[in-house]
Amino acid sequence: MTKLSVPNPALDLLLTRASCDSLVEPAPKGEQLEAILAAAMRAPDHGKLRPWRYAIIKGKHREAFVDLVVRGMMTRDPDVPEKKLEKRRRRFGETPMTIALGMHVRPDNKIPVWEQEAAVSAAAMNVLNALHFSGFGGVWVSGDVAKDPAVAAALGFERPHKLLGFLFVGTPEKPASGKRGDITDYTGIWRGEPLQFGVDR
């Protein structure tokens, strides 16, 4: 990672963010959680539609949500392996907080749906960054549960609205790790000819 010649604590902190899967209590709450989620409101948002919606699942309500997830898995695949069911039970049931990423779709708006989806994604990244800046950890997952219409409806996202996944949130049990590529391999200066990036060579 390139070291900055001019000190920039905010950017230095951003460059240490990584997805974290080993999460324990505590999760953010109260005004701290509100401030973290407020970071979404600074995401790029063509048309100011603010299509993001957040359903927070925590505490005693995790058990009911786990039941909903497992029922959906068994409905989609009656032969789903018990090992897979148990993995989902642990993830949704033991993670301190789950934030369902809802998207309030406006299909007839002049703003294309893909741009609305991009806004929700940008807002989710802001929330992940805010979690990290506040000393918490998070990971964004999607998968088959996010595509389950019964799960989406139970959270308040009946069609045309939808789920774009879940943020699992808590305090990192151990420092998040994960080697990142060198940005120079993903960057080029265009000089009138198609670029070839280092990572693609």
N, C-alpha and C. Protein backbone atom coordinates (compact mmCIF):
# COMPACT_ATOMS: atom_id res chain seq x y z
N MET A 1 0.84 -1.19 0.00
CA MET A 1 0.00 0.00 0.00
C MET A 1 0.87 1.24 0.00
N THR A 2 0.56 2.19 -0.87
CA THR A 2 1.34 3.42 -0.95
C THR A 2 1.13 4.27 0.29
N LYS A 3 2.23 4.74 0.89
CA LYS A 3 2.14 5.59 2.06
C LYS A 3 1.94 7.02 1.61
N LEU A 4 0.98 7.71 2.22
CA LEU A 4 0.69 9.08 1.85
C LEU A 4 1.80 10.00 2.34
N SER A 5 2.21 10.94 1.49
CA SER A 5 3.25 11.90 1.90
C SER A 5 2.66 12.98 2.79
N VAL A 6 1.37 13.24 2.66
CA VAL A 6 0.68 14.23 3.49
C VAL A 6 -0.25 13.47 4.44
N PRO A 7 -0.11 13.67 5.76
CA PRO A 7 -0.97 12.95 6.71
C PRO A 7 -2.45 13.20 6.43
N ASN A 8 -3.22 12.13 6.39
CA ASN A 8 -4.65 12.22 6.17
C ASN A 8 -5.31 11.10 6.99
N PRO A 9 -5.59 11.36 8.26
CA PRO A 9 -6.11 10.30 9.13
C PRO A 9 -7.38 9.62 8.60
N ALA A 10 -8.28 10.41 8.00
CA ALA A 10 -9.52 9.82 7.50
C ALA A 10 -9.24 8.83 6.38
N LEU A 11 -8.36 9.21 5.45
CA LEU A 11 -8.04 8.31 4.34
C LEU A 11 -7.23 7.11 4.82
N ASP A 12 -6.33 7.33 5.76
CA ASP A 12 -5.57 6.22 6.33
C ASP A 12 -6.52 5.19 6.93
N LEU A 13 -7.54 5.66 7.63
CA LEU A 13 -8.52 4.76 8.25
C LEU A 13 -9.32 4.02 7.19
N LEU A 14 -9.73 4.73 6.15
CA LEU A 14 -10.49 4.11 5.07
C LEU A 14 -9.69 2.97 4.42
N LEU A 15 -8.38 3.19 4.27
CA LEU A 15 -7.54 2.18 3.62
C LEU A 15 -7.31 0.94 4.47
N THR A 16 -7.79 0.95 5.71
CA THR A 16 -7.68 -0.24 6.55
C THR A 16 -8.98 -1.02 6.63
N ARG A 17 -10.05 -0.55 5.98
CA ARG A 17 -11.33 -1.25 6.06
C ARG A 17 -11.28 -2.58 5.32
N ALA A 18 -11.86 -3.59 5.93
CA ALA A 18 -12.00 -4.90 5.30
C ALA A 18 -13.26 -5.55 5.83
N SER A 19 -13.86 -6.42 5.03
CA SER A 19 -15.03 -7.16 5.49
C SER A 19 -14.63 -8.06 6.64
N CYS A 20 -15.50 -8.16 7.62
CA CYS A 20 -15.21 -8.93 8.84
C CYS A 20 -16.35 -9.89 9.12
N ASP A 21 -16.03 -11.18 9.20
CA ASP A 21 -17.04 -12.21 9.38
C ASP A 21 -17.14 -12.72 10.81
N SER A 22 -16.10 -12.50 11.61
CA SER A 22 -16.09 -12.96 13.00
C SER A 22 -16.54 -11.81 13.90
N LEU A 23 -17.83 -11.76 14.19
CA LEU A 23 -18.42 -10.61 14.87
C LEU A 23 -19.06 -11.02 16.20
N VAL A 24 -18.82 -10.24 17.22
CA VAL A 24 -19.37 -10.50 18.54
C VAL A 24 -20.03 -9.22 19.06
N GLU A 25 -20.69 -9.33 20.21
CA GLU A 25 -21.25 -8.14 20.86
C GLU A 25 -20.11 -7.23 21.32
N PRO A 26 -20.32 -5.93 21.37
CA PRO A 26 -21.59 -5.24 21.10
C PRO A 26 -21.73 -4.83 19.63
N ALA A 27 -22.96 -4.55 19.26
CA ALA A 27 -23.26 -3.88 18.00
C ALA A 27 -23.59 -2.43 18.33
N PRO A 28 -23.53 -1.54 17.36
CA PRO A 28 -23.90 -0.15 17.66
C PRO A 28 -25.36 -0.02 18.03
N LYS A 29 -25.68 0.98 18.81
CA LYS A 29 -27.07 1.20 19.20
C LYS A 29 -27.30 2.68 19.44
N GLY A 30 -28.55 3.04 19.58
CA GLY A 30 -28.92 4.41 19.92
C GLY A 30 -28.40 5.43 18.92
N GLU A 31 -27.91 6.53 19.44
CA GLU A 31 -27.44 7.62 18.60
C GLU A 31 -26.26 7.21 17.74
N GLN A 32 -25.44 6.30 18.24
CA GLN A 32 -24.29 5.84 17.47
C GLN A 32 -24.76 5.10 16.21
N LEU A 33 -25.73 4.22 16.36
CA LEU A 33 -26.28 3.50 15.21
C LEU A 33 -26.95 4.48 14.25
N GLU A 34 -27.68 5.43 14.79
CA GLU A 34 -28.35 6.42 13.95
C GLU A 34 -27.33 7.21 13.12
N ALA A 35 -26.22 7.58 13.73
CA ALA A 35 -25.18 8.33 13.01
C ALA A 35 -24.55 7.47 11.93
N ILE A 36 -24.33 6.20 12.22
CA ILE A 36 -23.74 5.29 11.23
C ILE A 36 -24.66 5.15 10.02
N LEU A 37 -25.95 4.94 10.28
CA LEU A 37 -26.90 4.79 9.17
C LEU A 37 -27.11 6.11 8.42
N ALA A 38 -26.93 7.22 9.12
CA ALA A 38 -27.08 8.52 8.46
C ALA A 38 -26.04 8.73 7.37
N ALA A 39 -24.94 7.97 7.43
CA ALA A 39 -23.93 8.06 6.37
C ALA A 39 -24.52 7.70 5.00
N ALA A 40 -25.59 6.89 5.01
CA ALA A 40 -26.25 6.54 3.75
C ALA A 40 -26.75 7.77 3.01
N MET A 41 -27.16 8.78 3.76
CA MET A 41 -27.76 9.95 3.15
C MET A 41 -26.76 10.78 2.35
N ARG A 42 -25.47 10.42 2.44
CA ARG A 42 -24.43 11.12 1.68
C ARG A 42 -24.02 10.35 0.43
N ALA A 43 -24.72 9.29 0.12
CA ALA A 43 -24.39 8.50 -1.07
C ALA A 43 -24.84 9.20 -2.34
N PRO A 44 -24.15 8.97 -3.46
CA PRO A 44 -24.62 9.49 -4.74
C PRO A 44 -26.03 8.98 -5.02
N ASP A 45 -26.90 9.85 -5.49
CA ASP A 45 -28.31 9.49 -5.61
C ASP A 45 -28.96 10.34 -6.69
N HIS A 46 -28.86 9.89 -7.94
CA HIS A 46 -29.43 10.62 -9.06
C HIS A 46 -30.94 10.75 -8.89
N GLY A 47 -31.44 11.97 -8.91
CA GLY A 47 -32.87 12.21 -8.75
C GLY A 47 -33.31 12.35 -7.31
N LYS A 48 -32.36 12.19 -6.38
CA LYS A 48 -32.69 12.29 -4.94
C LYS A 48 -33.88 11.40 -4.57
N LEU A 49 -33.88 10.18 -5.07
CA LEU A 49 -34.97 9.25 -4.76
C LEU A 49 -34.81 8.60 -3.40
N ARG A 50 -33.56 8.56 -2.90
CA ARG A 50 -33.26 7.91 -1.61
C ARG A 50 -33.92 6.53 -1.55
N PRO A 51 -33.52 5.61 -2.43
CA PRO A 51 -34.19 4.31 -2.53
C PRO A 51 -33.80 3.32 -1.44
N TRP A 52 -32.82 3.65 -0.60
CA TRP A 52 -32.38 2.71 0.43
C TRP A 52 -33.36 2.64 1.59
N ARG A 53 -33.51 1.44 2.12
CA ARG A 53 -34.32 1.20 3.31
C ARG A 53 -33.57 0.17 4.16
N TYR A 54 -33.60 0.34 5.48
CA TYR A 54 -32.86 -0.55 6.36
C TYR A 54 -33.78 -1.19 7.40
N ALA A 55 -33.86 -2.50 7.39
CA ALA A 55 -34.61 -3.26 8.39
C ALA A 55 -33.59 -3.87 9.36
N ILE A 56 -33.65 -3.48 10.61
CA ILE A 56 -32.67 -3.90 11.60
C ILE A 56 -33.22 -5.07 12.40
N ILE A 57 -32.45 -6.15 12.44
CA ILE A 57 -32.86 -7.36 13.14
C ILE A 57 -31.85 -7.60 14.26
N LYS A 58 -32.33 -7.63 15.50
CA LYS A 58 -31.43 -7.79 16.64
C LYS A 58 -32.18 -8.38 17.83
N GLY A 59 -31.42 -8.71 18.86
CA GLY A 59 -32.02 -9.18 20.10
C GLY A 59 -32.89 -10.40 19.95
N LYS A 60 -33.99 -10.42 20.68
CA LYS A 60 -34.87 -11.59 20.71
C LYS A 60 -35.54 -11.86 19.37
N HIS A 61 -35.58 -10.87 18.50
CA HIS A 61 -36.25 -11.05 17.20
C HIS A 61 -35.40 -11.82 16.19
N ARG A 62 -34.15 -12.04 16.53
CA ARG A 62 -33.30 -12.84 15.64
C ARG A 62 -33.83 -14.26 15.47
N GLU A 63 -34.37 -14.83 16.55
CA GLU A 63 -34.86 -16.20 16.50
C GLU A 63 -36.00 -16.35 15.51
N ALA A 64 -36.94 -15.42 15.53
CA ALA A 64 -38.07 -15.47 14.59
C ALA A 64 -37.59 -15.30 13.15
N PHE A 65 -36.56 -14.47 12.97
CA PHE A 65 -36.05 -14.28 11.61
C PHE A 65 -35.31 -15.52 11.13
N VAL A 66 -34.59 -16.17 12.02
CA VAL A 66 -33.93 -17.43 11.66
C VAL A 66 -34.96 -18.45 11.20
N ASP A 67 -36.09 -18.55 11.92
CA ASP A 67 -37.15 -19.49 11.53
C ASP A 67 -37.66 -19.17 10.13
N LEU A 68 -37.82 -17.90 9.83
CA LEU A 68 -38.28 -17.48 8.51
C LEU A 68 -37.28 -17.86 7.43
N VAL A 69 -36.01 -17.63 7.69
CA VAL A 69 -34.96 -17.97 6.73
C VAL A 69 -34.92 -19.47 6.47
N VAL A 70 -34.95 -20.26 7.55
CA VAL A 70 -34.86 -21.72 7.41
C VAL A 70 -36.08 -22.27 6.69
N ARG A 71 -37.28 -21.77 7.01
CA ARG A 71 -38.49 -22.23 6.30
C ARG A 71 -38.37 -21.97 4.80
N GLY A 72 -37.86 -20.79 4.46
CA GLY A 72 -37.70 -20.46 3.06
C GLY A 72 -36.72 -21.38 2.36
N MET A 73 -35.62 -21.70 3.02
CA MET A 73 -34.63 -22.60 2.44
C MET A 73 -35.22 -23.98 2.19
N MET A 74 -36.00 -24.47 3.15
CA MET A 74 -36.59 -25.80 3.02
C MET A 74 -37.71 -25.83 1.98
N THR A 75 -38.38 -24.70 1.80
CA THR A 75 -39.41 -24.63 0.76
C THR A 75 -38.77 -24.66 -0.62
N ARG A 76 -37.68 -23.93 -0.78
CA ARG A 76 -37.00 -23.90 -2.08
C ARG A 76 -36.32 -25.22 -2.41
N ASP A 77 -35.81 -25.88 -1.37
CA ASP A 77 -35.09 -27.14 -1.58
C ASP A 77 -35.36 -28.07 -0.40
N PRO A 78 -36.36 -28.95 -0.53
CA PRO A 78 -36.68 -29.86 0.57
C PRO A 78 -35.50 -30.74 0.99
N ASP A 79 -34.52 -30.90 0.10
CA ASP A 79 -33.36 -31.74 0.40
C ASP A 79 -32.15 -30.93 0.81
N VAL A 80 -32.36 -29.69 1.21
CA VAL A 80 -31.24 -28.85 1.61
C VAL A 80 -30.47 -29.53 2.75
N PRO A 81 -29.14 -29.61 2.65
CA PRO A 81 -28.36 -30.30 3.69
C PRO A 81 -28.49 -29.61 5.05
N GLU A 82 -28.56 -30.41 6.08
CA GLU A 82 -28.66 -29.89 7.44
C GLU A 82 -27.46 -28.98 7.77
N LYS A 83 -26.32 -29.31 7.21
CA LYS A 83 -25.11 -28.50 7.46
C LYS A 83 -25.31 -27.07 6.97
N LYS A 84 -25.97 -26.92 5.83
CA LYS A 84 -26.23 -25.59 5.29
C LYS A 84 -27.25 -24.85 6.15
N LEU A 85 -28.27 -25.56 6.60
CA LEU A 85 -29.27 -24.96 7.47
C LEU A 85 -28.63 -24.47 8.77
N GLU A 86 -27.75 -25.29 9.33
CA GLU A 86 -27.11 -24.93 10.59
C GLU A 86 -26.20 -23.70 10.42
N LYS A 87 -25.56 -23.62 9.27
CA LYS A 87 -24.71 -22.46 8.99
C LYS A 87 -25.54 -21.18 8.97
N ARG A 88 -26.71 -21.23 8.34
CA ARG A 88 -27.57 -20.06 8.29
C ARG A 88 -28.15 -19.73 9.67
N ARG A 89 -28.48 -20.78 10.44
CA ARG A 89 -28.98 -20.55 11.79
C ARG A 89 -27.96 -19.79 12.62
N ARG A 90 -26.71 -20.22 12.52
CA ARG A 90 -25.65 -19.56 13.30
C ARG A 90 -25.45 -18.13 12.83
N ARG A 91 -25.41 -17.96 11.53
CA ARG A 91 -25.09 -16.62 11.01
C ARG A 91 -26.17 -15.61 11.35
N PHE A 92 -27.41 -15.95 11.07
CA PHE A 92 -28.50 -15.01 11.35
C PHE A 92 -28.88 -14.98 12.82
N GLY A 93 -28.61 -16.06 13.54
CA GLY A 93 -29.04 -16.14 14.92
C GLY A 93 -28.01 -15.66 15.93
N GLU A 94 -26.73 -15.75 15.58
CA GLU A 94 -25.67 -15.40 16.54
C GLU A 94 -24.99 -14.07 16.25
N THR A 95 -25.06 -13.60 15.02
CA THR A 95 -24.49 -12.29 14.72
C THR A 95 -25.27 -11.23 15.52
N PRO A 96 -24.57 -10.32 16.19
CA PRO A 96 -25.26 -9.36 17.05
C PRO A 96 -26.37 -8.57 16.36
N MET A 97 -26.14 -8.17 15.12
CA MET A 97 -27.14 -7.38 14.41
C MET A 97 -27.08 -7.70 12.92
N THR A 98 -28.25 -7.79 12.33
CA THR A 98 -28.35 -7.93 10.88
C THR A 98 -29.12 -6.73 10.35
N ILE A 99 -28.57 -6.08 9.33
CA ILE A 99 -29.27 -4.97 8.68
C ILE A 99 -29.64 -5.44 7.27
N ALA A 100 -30.94 -5.61 7.05
CA ALA A 100 -31.42 -6.00 5.73
C ALA A 100 -31.40 -4.77 4.82
N LEU A 101 -30.78 -4.92 3.66
CA LEU A 101 -30.64 -3.81 2.71
C LEU A 101 -31.82 -3.81 1.76
N GLY A 102 -32.81 -3.00 2.05
CA GLY A 102 -33.97 -2.91 1.18
C GLY A 102 -33.80 -1.86 0.11
N MET A 103 -34.48 -2.09 -0.99
CA MET A 103 -34.47 -1.13 -2.09
C MET A 103 -35.92 -0.78 -2.45
N HIS A 104 -36.27 0.49 -2.28
CA HIS A 104 -37.61 0.96 -2.62
C HIS A 104 -37.59 1.34 -4.11
N VAL A 105 -38.00 0.39 -4.94
CA VAL A 105 -37.89 0.55 -6.39
C VAL A 105 -39.00 1.44 -6.94
N ARG A 106 -38.63 2.34 -7.83
CA ARG A 106 -39.60 3.15 -8.56
C ARG A 106 -39.43 2.88 -10.04
N PRO A 107 -40.02 1.78 -10.54
CA PRO A 107 -39.79 1.34 -11.92
C PRO A 107 -40.25 2.33 -12.98
N ASP A 108 -41.22 3.18 -12.65
CA ASP A 108 -41.74 4.12 -13.65
C ASP A 108 -41.06 5.48 -13.59
N ASN A 109 -40.10 5.64 -12.69
CA ASN A 109 -39.40 6.91 -12.58
C ASN A 109 -38.44 7.09 -13.75
N LYS A 110 -38.12 8.34 -14.07
CA LYS A 110 -37.18 8.61 -15.17
C LYS A 110 -35.78 8.11 -14.85
N ILE A 111 -35.47 7.93 -13.55
CA ILE A 111 -34.17 7.40 -13.16
C ILE A 111 -34.20 5.89 -13.37
N PRO A 112 -33.30 5.35 -14.20
CA PRO A 112 -33.32 3.90 -14.46
C PRO A 112 -33.16 3.09 -13.18
N VAL A 113 -33.77 1.91 -13.18
CA VAL A 113 -33.71 1.06 -11.99
C VAL A 113 -32.27 0.72 -11.63
N TRP A 114 -31.41 0.54 -12.64
CA TRP A 114 -30.02 0.19 -12.33
C TRP A 114 -29.34 1.32 -11.57
N GLU A 115 -29.72 2.56 -11.84
CA GLU A 115 -29.13 3.67 -11.08
C GLU A 115 -29.68 3.71 -9.65
N GLN A 116 -30.94 3.35 -9.49
CA GLN A 116 -31.50 3.27 -8.14
C GLN A 116 -30.77 2.19 -7.34
N GLU A 117 -30.51 1.07 -8.00
CA GLU A 117 -29.78 -0.02 -7.35
C GLU A 117 -28.36 0.41 -7.01
N ALA A 118 -27.73 1.16 -7.91
CA ALA A 118 -26.38 1.65 -7.64
C ALA A 118 -26.36 2.58 -6.44
N ALA A 119 -27.41 3.39 -6.29
CA ALA A 119 -27.50 4.30 -5.14
C ALA A 119 -27.60 3.52 -3.83
N VAL A 120 -28.40 2.44 -3.84
CA VAL A 120 -28.52 1.61 -2.64
C VAL A 120 -27.17 0.98 -2.31
N SER A 121 -26.45 0.54 -3.33
CA SER A 121 -25.13 -0.07 -3.12
C SER A 121 -24.14 0.95 -2.56
N ALA A 122 -24.16 2.16 -3.11
CA ALA A 122 -23.27 3.21 -2.62
C ALA A 122 -23.58 3.56 -1.17
N ALA A 123 -24.86 3.62 -0.84
CA ALA A 123 -25.27 3.92 0.53
C ALA A 123 -24.81 2.82 1.49
N ALA A 124 -24.92 1.56 1.05
CA ALA A 124 -24.49 0.44 1.89
C ALA A 124 -22.99 0.52 2.15
N MET A 125 -22.22 0.93 1.15
CA MET A 125 -20.78 1.07 1.34
C MET A 125 -20.47 2.18 2.33
N ASN A 126 -21.24 3.25 2.27
CA ASN A 126 -21.07 4.33 3.26
C ASN A 126 -21.32 3.80 4.68
N VAL A 127 -22.34 2.97 4.82
CA VAL A 127 -22.65 2.41 6.14
C VAL A 127 -21.51 1.49 6.61
N LEU A 128 -20.98 0.68 5.72
CA LEU A 128 -19.85 -0.19 6.08
C LEU A 128 -18.65 0.63 6.51
N ASN A 129 -18.38 1.71 5.78
CA ASN A 129 -17.26 2.58 6.16
C ASN A 129 -17.51 3.24 7.52
N ALA A 130 -18.74 3.69 7.74
CA ALA A 130 -19.07 4.33 9.01
C ALA A 130 -18.95 3.35 10.17
N LEU A 131 -19.33 2.10 9.94
CA LEU A 131 -19.15 1.07 10.97
C LEU A 131 -17.68 0.93 11.33
N HIS A 132 -16.85 0.85 10.32
CA HIS A 132 -15.41 0.71 10.53
C HIS A 132 -14.84 1.92 11.26
N PHE A 133 -15.23 3.11 10.83
CA PHE A 133 -14.74 4.33 11.48
C PHE A 133 -15.15 4.42 12.94
N SER A 134 -16.25 3.73 13.29
CA SER A 134 -16.78 3.78 14.65
C SER A 134 -16.30 2.62 15.52
N GLY A 135 -15.41 1.81 14.97
CA GLY A 135 -14.84 0.72 15.76
C GLY A 135 -15.58 -0.60 15.66
N PHE A 136 -16.55 -0.69 14.73
CA PHE A 136 -17.30 -1.92 14.54
C PHE A 136 -16.85 -2.61 13.26
N GLY A 137 -17.45 -3.75 12.99
CA GLY A 137 -17.14 -4.47 11.77
C GLY A 137 -18.41 -4.89 11.07
N GLY A 138 -18.28 -5.22 9.80
CA GLY A 138 -19.44 -5.66 9.04
C GLY A 138 -19.04 -6.40 7.79
N VAL A 139 -19.97 -7.17 7.27
CA VAL A 139 -19.78 -7.86 6.00
C VAL A 139 -21.11 -7.86 5.27
N TRP A 140 -21.06 -7.68 3.95
CA TRP A 140 -22.26 -7.63 3.12
C TRP A 140 -22.39 -8.97 2.41
N VAL A 141 -23.54 -9.64 2.58
CA VAL A 141 -23.80 -10.90 1.89
C VAL A 141 -25.14 -10.81 1.17
N SER A 142 -25.29 -11.64 0.16
CA SER A 142 -26.58 -11.69 -0.55
C SER A 142 -27.06 -13.14 -0.57
N GLY A 143 -26.93 -13.82 -1.70
CA GLY A 143 -27.31 -15.22 -1.76
C GLY A 143 -28.80 -15.45 -1.89
N ASP A 144 -29.19 -16.72 -1.72
CA ASP A 144 -30.56 -17.12 -1.98
C ASP A 144 -31.56 -16.51 -1.00
N VAL A 145 -31.15 -16.24 0.23
CA VAL A 145 -32.08 -15.66 1.20
C VAL A 145 -32.56 -14.29 0.74
N ALA A 146 -31.65 -13.51 0.16
CA ALA A 146 -32.00 -12.17 -0.30
C ALA A 146 -32.98 -12.21 -1.47
N LYS A 147 -33.06 -13.34 -2.16
CA LYS A 147 -33.95 -13.47 -3.31
C LYS A 147 -35.29 -14.10 -2.94
N ASP A 148 -35.45 -14.44 -1.67
CA ASP A 148 -36.68 -15.09 -1.22
C ASP A 148 -37.79 -14.05 -1.05
N PRO A 149 -38.85 -14.10 -1.86
CA PRO A 149 -39.92 -13.08 -1.77
C PRO A 149 -40.63 -13.09 -0.42
N ALA A 150 -40.69 -14.25 0.24
CA ALA A 150 -41.36 -14.31 1.55
C ALA A 150 -40.54 -13.57 2.60
N VAL A 151 -39.23 -13.71 2.54
CA VAL A 151 -38.35 -12.99 3.46
C VAL A 151 -38.46 -11.49 3.20
N ALA A 152 -38.39 -11.12 1.93
CA ALA A 152 -38.49 -9.70 1.58
C ALA A 152 -39.81 -9.10 2.06
N ALA A 153 -40.90 -9.83 1.82
CA ALA A 153 -42.22 -9.32 2.21
C ALA A 153 -42.34 -9.20 3.74
N ALA A 154 -41.77 -10.15 4.46
CA ALA A 154 -41.84 -10.11 5.92
C ALA A 154 -41.09 -8.90 6.49
N LEU A 155 -40.13 -8.40 5.74
CA LEU A 155 -39.36 -7.23 6.17
C LEU A 155 -39.96 -5.92 5.66
N GLY A 156 -40.99 -6.02 4.81
CA GLY A 156 -41.64 -4.81 4.29
C GLY A 156 -41.23 -4.45 2.88
N PHE A 157 -40.66 -5.44 2.15
CA PHE A 157 -40.17 -5.16 0.79
C PHE A 157 -40.88 -6.02 -0.24
N GLU A 158 -42.21 -5.91 -0.28
CA GLU A 158 -42.95 -6.65 -1.30
C GLU A 158 -42.67 -6.05 -2.67
N ARG A 159 -42.77 -6.86 -3.71
CA ARG A 159 -42.52 -6.39 -5.07
C ARG A 159 -43.39 -5.19 -5.41
N PRO A 160 -42.83 -4.23 -6.16
CA PRO A 160 -41.57 -4.27 -6.90
C PRO A 160 -40.33 -4.01 -6.05
N HIS A 161 -40.51 -3.71 -4.76
CA HIS A 161 -39.36 -3.46 -3.91
C HIS A 161 -38.62 -4.78 -3.68
N LYS A 162 -37.38 -4.70 -3.21
CA LYS A 162 -36.62 -5.94 -3.07
C LYS A 162 -35.48 -5.78 -2.08
N LEU A 163 -34.86 -6.92 -1.79
CA LEU A 163 -33.69 -6.98 -0.93
C LEU A 163 -32.42 -7.06 -1.78
N LEU A 164 -31.41 -6.32 -1.38
CA LEU A 164 -30.12 -6.42 -2.05
C LEU A 164 -29.09 -7.13 -1.18
N GLY A 165 -29.54 -7.71 -0.08
CA GLY A 165 -28.63 -8.46 0.77
C GLY A 165 -28.73 -8.03 2.21
N PHE A 166 -27.73 -8.45 2.98
CA PHE A 166 -27.72 -8.19 4.42
C PHE A 166 -26.33 -7.74 4.86
N LEU A 167 -26.31 -6.80 5.79
CA LEU A 167 -25.08 -6.44 6.47
C LEU A 167 -25.10 -7.14 7.82
N PHE A 168 -24.09 -7.98 8.07
CA PHE A 168 -23.92 -8.57 9.39
C PHE A 168 -23.00 -7.65 10.17
N VAL A 169 -23.42 -7.26 11.37
CA VAL A 169 -22.76 -6.18 12.10
C VAL A 169 -22.45 -6.59 13.54
N GLY A 170 -21.30 -6.15 14.01
CA GLY A 170 -20.91 -6.38 15.39
C GLY A 170 -19.53 -5.82 15.64
N THR A 171 -18.87 -6.32 16.65
CA THR A 171 -17.50 -5.93 16.96
C THR A 171 -16.57 -7.04 16.46
N PRO A 172 -15.53 -6.71 15.71
CA PRO A 172 -14.62 -7.75 15.22
C PRO A 172 -14.01 -8.54 16.38
N GLU A 173 -14.09 -9.86 16.29
CA GLU A 173 -13.50 -10.71 17.31
C GLU A 173 -11.98 -10.68 17.23
N LYS A 174 -11.49 -10.46 16.02
CA LYS A 174 -10.05 -10.33 15.78
C LYS A 174 -9.87 -9.34 14.65
N PRO A 175 -8.70 -8.75 14.51
CA PRO A 175 -8.50 -7.76 13.44
C PRO A 175 -8.81 -8.35 12.08
N ALA A 176 -9.58 -7.60 11.29
CA ALA A 176 -9.90 -8.05 9.94
C ALA A 176 -8.64 -8.03 9.09
N SER A 177 -8.51 -9.04 8.27
CA SER A 177 -7.34 -9.09 7.39
C SER A 177 -7.82 -9.33 5.98
N GLY A 178 -6.95 -9.21 5.06
CA GLY A 178 -7.29 -9.40 3.66
C GLY A 178 -6.41 -8.53 2.81
N LYS A 179 -5.53 -9.17 2.08
CA LYS A 179 -4.60 -8.43 1.24
C LYS A 179 -5.35 -7.81 0.08
N ARG A 180 -5.09 -6.55 -0.16
CA ARG A 180 -5.72 -5.85 -1.27
C ARG A 180 -4.73 -5.71 -2.41
N GLY A 181 -5.23 -5.71 -3.62
CA GLY A 181 -4.35 -5.55 -4.78
C GLY A 181 -3.76 -4.14 -4.84
N ASP A 182 -2.75 -4.00 -5.66
CA ASP A 182 -2.13 -2.70 -5.88
C ASP A 182 -3.01 -1.91 -6.86
N ILE A 183 -3.44 -0.73 -6.45
CA ILE A 183 -4.36 0.05 -7.27
C ILE A 183 -3.78 0.41 -8.62
N THR A 184 -2.46 0.45 -8.72
CA THR A 184 -1.86 0.79 -10.02
C THR A 184 -2.19 -0.26 -11.07
N ASP A 185 -2.48 -1.51 -10.64
CA ASP A 185 -2.85 -2.55 -11.60
C ASP A 185 -4.28 -2.38 -12.12
N TYR A 186 -5.04 -1.50 -11.49
CA TYR A 186 -6.44 -1.29 -11.86
C TYR A 186 -6.68 0.12 -12.41
N THR A 187 -5.59 0.82 -12.69
CA THR A 187 -5.68 2.22 -13.09
C THR A 187 -4.85 2.46 -14.35
N GLY A 188 -5.32 3.35 -15.20
CA GLY A 188 -4.55 3.75 -16.38
C GLY A 188 -4.93 5.16 -16.80
N ILE A 189 -4.05 5.81 -17.47
CA ILE A 189 -4.33 7.15 -18.00
C ILE A 189 -4.63 7.01 -19.48
N TRP A 190 -5.81 7.40 -19.87
CA TRP A 190 -6.23 7.26 -21.26
C TRP A 190 -5.58 8.32 -22.13
N ARG A 191 -4.97 7.90 -23.22
CA ARG A 191 -4.30 8.82 -24.14
C ARG A 191 -4.80 8.62 -25.57
N GLY A 192 -6.08 8.31 -25.71
CA GLY A 192 -6.68 8.19 -27.03
C GLY A 192 -6.79 6.77 -27.55
N GLU A 193 -6.20 5.81 -26.86
CA GLU A 193 -6.26 4.41 -27.26
C GLU A 193 -6.86 3.58 -26.12
N PRO A 194 -7.50 2.44 -26.46
CA PRO A 194 -8.05 1.60 -25.41
C PRO A 194 -6.98 1.20 -24.40
N LEU A 195 -7.35 1.21 -23.15
CA LEU A 195 -6.40 0.88 -22.09
C LEU A 195 -6.29 -0.62 -21.88
N GLN A 196 -5.09 -1.04 -21.48
CA GLN A 196 -4.89 -2.40 -20.99
C GLN A 196 -4.38 -2.31 -19.58
N PHE A 197 -5.14 -2.87 -18.65
CA PHE A 197 -4.81 -2.73 -17.24
C PHE A 197 -3.90 -3.87 -16.79
N GLY A 198 -3.04 -3.54 -15.84
CA GLY A 198 -2.07 -4.51 -15.37
C GLY A 198 -2.68 -5.80 -14.89
N VAL A 199 -3.81 -5.72 -14.20
CA VAL A 199 -4.44 -6.91 -13.65
C VAL A 199 -4.98 -7.82 -14.75
N ASP A 200 -5.22 -7.30 -15.94
CA ASP A 200 -5.79 -8.06 -17.04
C ASP A 200 -4.74 -8.62 -18.00
N ARG A 201 -3.50 -8.31 -17.76
CA ARG A 201 -2.45 -8.78 -18.68
C ARG A 201 -2.13 -10.24 -18.44
